[in-house]
C-alpha atoms as a PDB file:
ATOM      1  CA  UNK A   1      -8.559 -22.501 -11.243  1.00  0.00           C
ATOM      2  CA  UNK A   2      -7.656 -19.997  -8.833  1.00  0.00           C
ATOM      3  CA  UNK A   3     -10.267 -21.135  -6.228  1.00  0.00           C
ATOM      4  CA  UNK A   4      -8.326 -23.942  -6.108  1.00  0.00           C
ATOM      5  CA  UNK A   5      -5.005 -22.191  -4.261  1.00  0.00           C
ATOM      6  CA  UNK A   6      -5.258 -19.393  -1.418  1.00  0.00           C
ATOM      7  CA  UNK A   7      -3.840 -16.248  -1.384  1.00  0.00           C
ATOM      8  CA  UNK A   8      -2.949 -16.372   2.241  1.00  0.00           C
ATOM      9  CA  UNK A   9      -0.684 -18.941   1.447  1.00  0.00           C
ATOM     10  CA  UNK A  10       1.698 -16.856  -0.629  1.00  0.00           C
ATOM     11  CA  UNK A  11       1.972 -14.024   2.078  1.00  0.00           C
ATOM     12  CA  UNK A  12       5.080 -13.781   4.415  1.00  0.00           C
ATOM     13  CA  UNK A  13       5.801 -13.058   7.446  1.00  0.00           C
ATOM     14  CA  UNK A  14       8.200 -10.646   9.018  1.00  0.00           C
ATOM     15  CA  UNK A  15      10.174 -13.148   9.344  1.00  0.00           C
ATOM     16  CA  UNK A  16      10.210 -14.506   6.267  1.00  0.00           C
ATOM     17  CA  UNK A  17      12.051 -10.890   4.373  1.00  0.00           C
ATOM     18  CA  UNK A  18      14.944 -10.949   6.255  1.00  0.00           C
ATOM     19  CA  UNK A  19      17.371  -8.357   7.456  1.00  0.00           C
ATOM     20  CA  UNK A  20      16.100  -5.196   5.761  1.00  0.00           C
ATOM     21  CA  UNK A  21      17.654  -2.974   8.536  1.00  0.00           C
ATOM     22  CA  UNK A  22      14.566  -2.375  10.486  1.00  0.00           C
ATOM     23  CA  UNK A  23      12.450  -2.158   7.351  1.00  0.00           C
ATOM     24  CA  UNK A  24      11.519  -5.639   8.014  1.00  0.00           C
ATOM     25  CA  UNK A  25       7.942  -4.013   8.748  1.00  0.00           C
ATOM     26  CA  UNK A  26       7.168  -2.186   5.506  1.00  0.00           C
ATOM     27  CA  UNK A  27       8.812  -4.516   3.379  1.00  0.00           C
ATOM     28  CA  UNK A  28       6.305  -7.300   4.469  1.00  0.00           C
ATOM     29  CA  UNK A  29       3.369  -4.744   4.399  1.00  0.00           C
ATOM     30  CA  UNK A  30       4.533  -3.790   1.016  1.00  0.00           C
ATOM     31  CA  UNK A  31       5.153  -7.551  -0.352  1.00  0.00           C
ATOM     32  CA  UNK A  32       2.127  -8.850   1.036  1.00  0.00           C
ATOM     33  CA  UNK A  33      -0.008  -5.754  -0.387  1.00  0.00           C
ATOM     34  CA  UNK A  34       1.843  -6.284  -3.975  1.00  0.00           C
ATOM     35  CA  UNK A  35       0.080  -9.658  -3.581  1.00  0.00           C
ATOM     36  CA  UNK A  36      -2.670  -9.184  -2.895  1.00  0.00           C
ATOM     37  CA  UNK A  37      -2.430  -6.370  -5.747  1.00  0.00           C
ATOM     38  CA  UNK A  38      -1.462  -9.387  -8.021  1.00  0.00           C
ATOM     39  CA  UNK A  39      -3.874 -11.680  -6.845  1.00  0.00           C
ATOM     40  CA  UNK A  40      -6.663  -9.714  -7.768  1.00  0.00           C
ATOM     41  CA  UNK A  41      -4.554  -9.479 -12.002  1.00  0.00           C
ATOM     42  CA  UNK A  42      -4.692 -13.198 -12.278  1.00  0.00           C
ATOM     43  CA  UNK A  43      -7.447 -14.965 -14.665  1.00  0.00           C
ATOM     44  CA  UNK A  44      -9.787 -17.548 -12.391  1.00  0.00           C
ATOM     45  CA  UNK A  45      -9.031 -20.308 -14.785  1.00  0.00           C
ATOM     46  CA  UNK A  46      -5.263 -19.717 -14.342  1.00  0.00           C
ATOM     47  CA  UNK A  47      -4.142 -22.896 -13.431  1.00  0.00           C
ATOM     48  CA  UNK A  48      -2.183 -23.469  -9.845  1.00  0.00           C
ATOM     49  CA  UNK A  49       1.256 -24.220 -11.684  1.00  0.00           C
ATOM     50  CA  UNK A  50       1.131 -20.472 -12.946  1.00  0.00           C
ATOM     51  CA  UNK A  51      -0.409 -18.985 -10.713  1.00  0.00           C
ATOM     52  CA  UNK A  52       2.209 -20.423  -7.623  1.00  0.00           C
ATOM     53  CA  UNK A  53       5.267 -19.318 -10.334  1.00  0.00           C
ATOM     54  CA  UNK A  54       4.095 -15.889 -10.573  1.00  0.00           C
ATOM     55  CA  UNK A  55       3.313 -15.111  -7.554  1.00  0.00           C
ATOM     56  CA  UNK A  56       6.635 -16.285  -5.608  1.00  0.00           C
ATOM     57  CA  UNK A  57       8.096 -14.312  -9.034  1.00  0.00           C
ATOM     58  CA  UNK A  58       7.302 -11.499  -7.605  1.00  0.00           C
ATOM     59  CA  UNK A  59       9.276 -11.864  -4.890  1.00  0.00           C
ATOM     60  CA  UNK A  60      12.389 -13.670  -6.714  1.00  0.00           C
ATOM     61  CA  UNK A  61      12.162 -10.436  -8.486  1.00  0.00           C
ATOM     62  CA  UNK A  62      12.023  -7.857  -5.663  1.00  0.00           C
ATOM     63  CA  UNK A  63      13.961  -9.843  -2.615  1.00  0.00           C
ATOM     64  CA  UNK A  64      16.814  -7.533  -1.786  1.00  0.00           C
ATOM     65  CA  UNK A  65      15.269  -4.580  -3.817  1.00  0.00           C
ATOM     66  CA  UNK A  66      15.511  -1.594  -2.424  1.00  0.00           C
ATOM     67  CA  UNK A  67      12.588  -0.086  -3.865  1.00  0.00           C
ATOM     68  CA  UNK A  68      10.083  -1.837  -2.050  1.00  0.00           C
ATOM     69  CA  UNK A  69      10.987   0.559   0.548  1.00  0.00           C
ATOM     70  CA  UNK A  70      12.020   3.600  -1.774  1.00  0.00           C
ATOM     71  CA  UNK A  71       9.281   3.641  -4.315  1.00  0.00           C
ATOM     72  CA  UNK A  72       5.774   4.710  -4.356  1.00  0.00           C
ATOM     73  CA  UNK A  73       3.680   1.722  -4.126  1.00  0.00           C
ATOM     74  CA  UNK A  74       1.728   2.839  -7.409  1.00  0.00           C
ATOM     75  CA  UNK A  75       5.192   1.861  -8.812  1.00  0.00           C
ATOM     76  CA  UNK A  76       5.649  -1.167  -7.322  1.00  0.00           C
ATOM     77  CA  UNK A  77       2.003  -1.852  -8.557  1.00  0.00           C
ATOM     78  CA  UNK A  78       2.927  -0.888 -12.061  1.00  0.00           C
ATOM     79  CA  UNK A  79       5.750  -2.981 -12.044  1.00  0.00           C
ATOM     80  CA  UNK A  80       3.849  -6.029 -10.516  1.00  0.00           C
ATOM     81  CA  UNK A  81       0.727  -5.476 -14.038  1.00  0.00           C
ATOM     82  CA  UNK A  82       3.756  -5.207 -16.087  1.00  0.00           C
ATOM     83  CA  UNK A  83       5.559  -8.250 -14.679  1.00  0.00           C
ATOM     84  CA  UNK A  84       2.311  -9.969 -14.710  1.00  0.00           C
ATOM     85  CA  UNK A  85       1.342  -9.400 -18.219  1.00  0.00           C
ATOM     86  CA  UNK A  86       4.040 -10.352 -19.402  1.00  0.00           C
ATOM     87  CA  UNK A  87       4.231 -13.529 -17.640  1.00  0.00           C
ATOM     88  CA  UNK A  88       0.619 -14.249 -18.963  1.00  0.00           C
ATOM     89  CA  UNK A  89       1.941 -14.354 -22.376  1.00  0.00           C
ATOM     90  CA  UNK A  90       5.134 -15.657 -22.199  1.00  0.00           C
ATOM     91  CA  UNK A  91       2.523 -18.344 -21.360  1.00  0.00           C
ATOM     92  CA  UNK A  92       0.594 -18.259 -24.806  1.00  0.00           C
END
């Protein structure tokens, strides 16, 4: 069902992330990279509602979190992997 939605619909523009004291571009880039990374991990047969909840949940969890600008990208991707696996396990 992943083919029924488009990753582009979930990406952020600089204006969407709010005030990050001059780091808005970096936050936007990092967030969008995490969304693309997460997209690749989602099963192709996952229902649209679950995809929506998981992808939107990434922003919900990281919104305002300085980790977006302070930690290595690899640490963020490790968190995304864990978050997706946990979200998928909750569905079962």
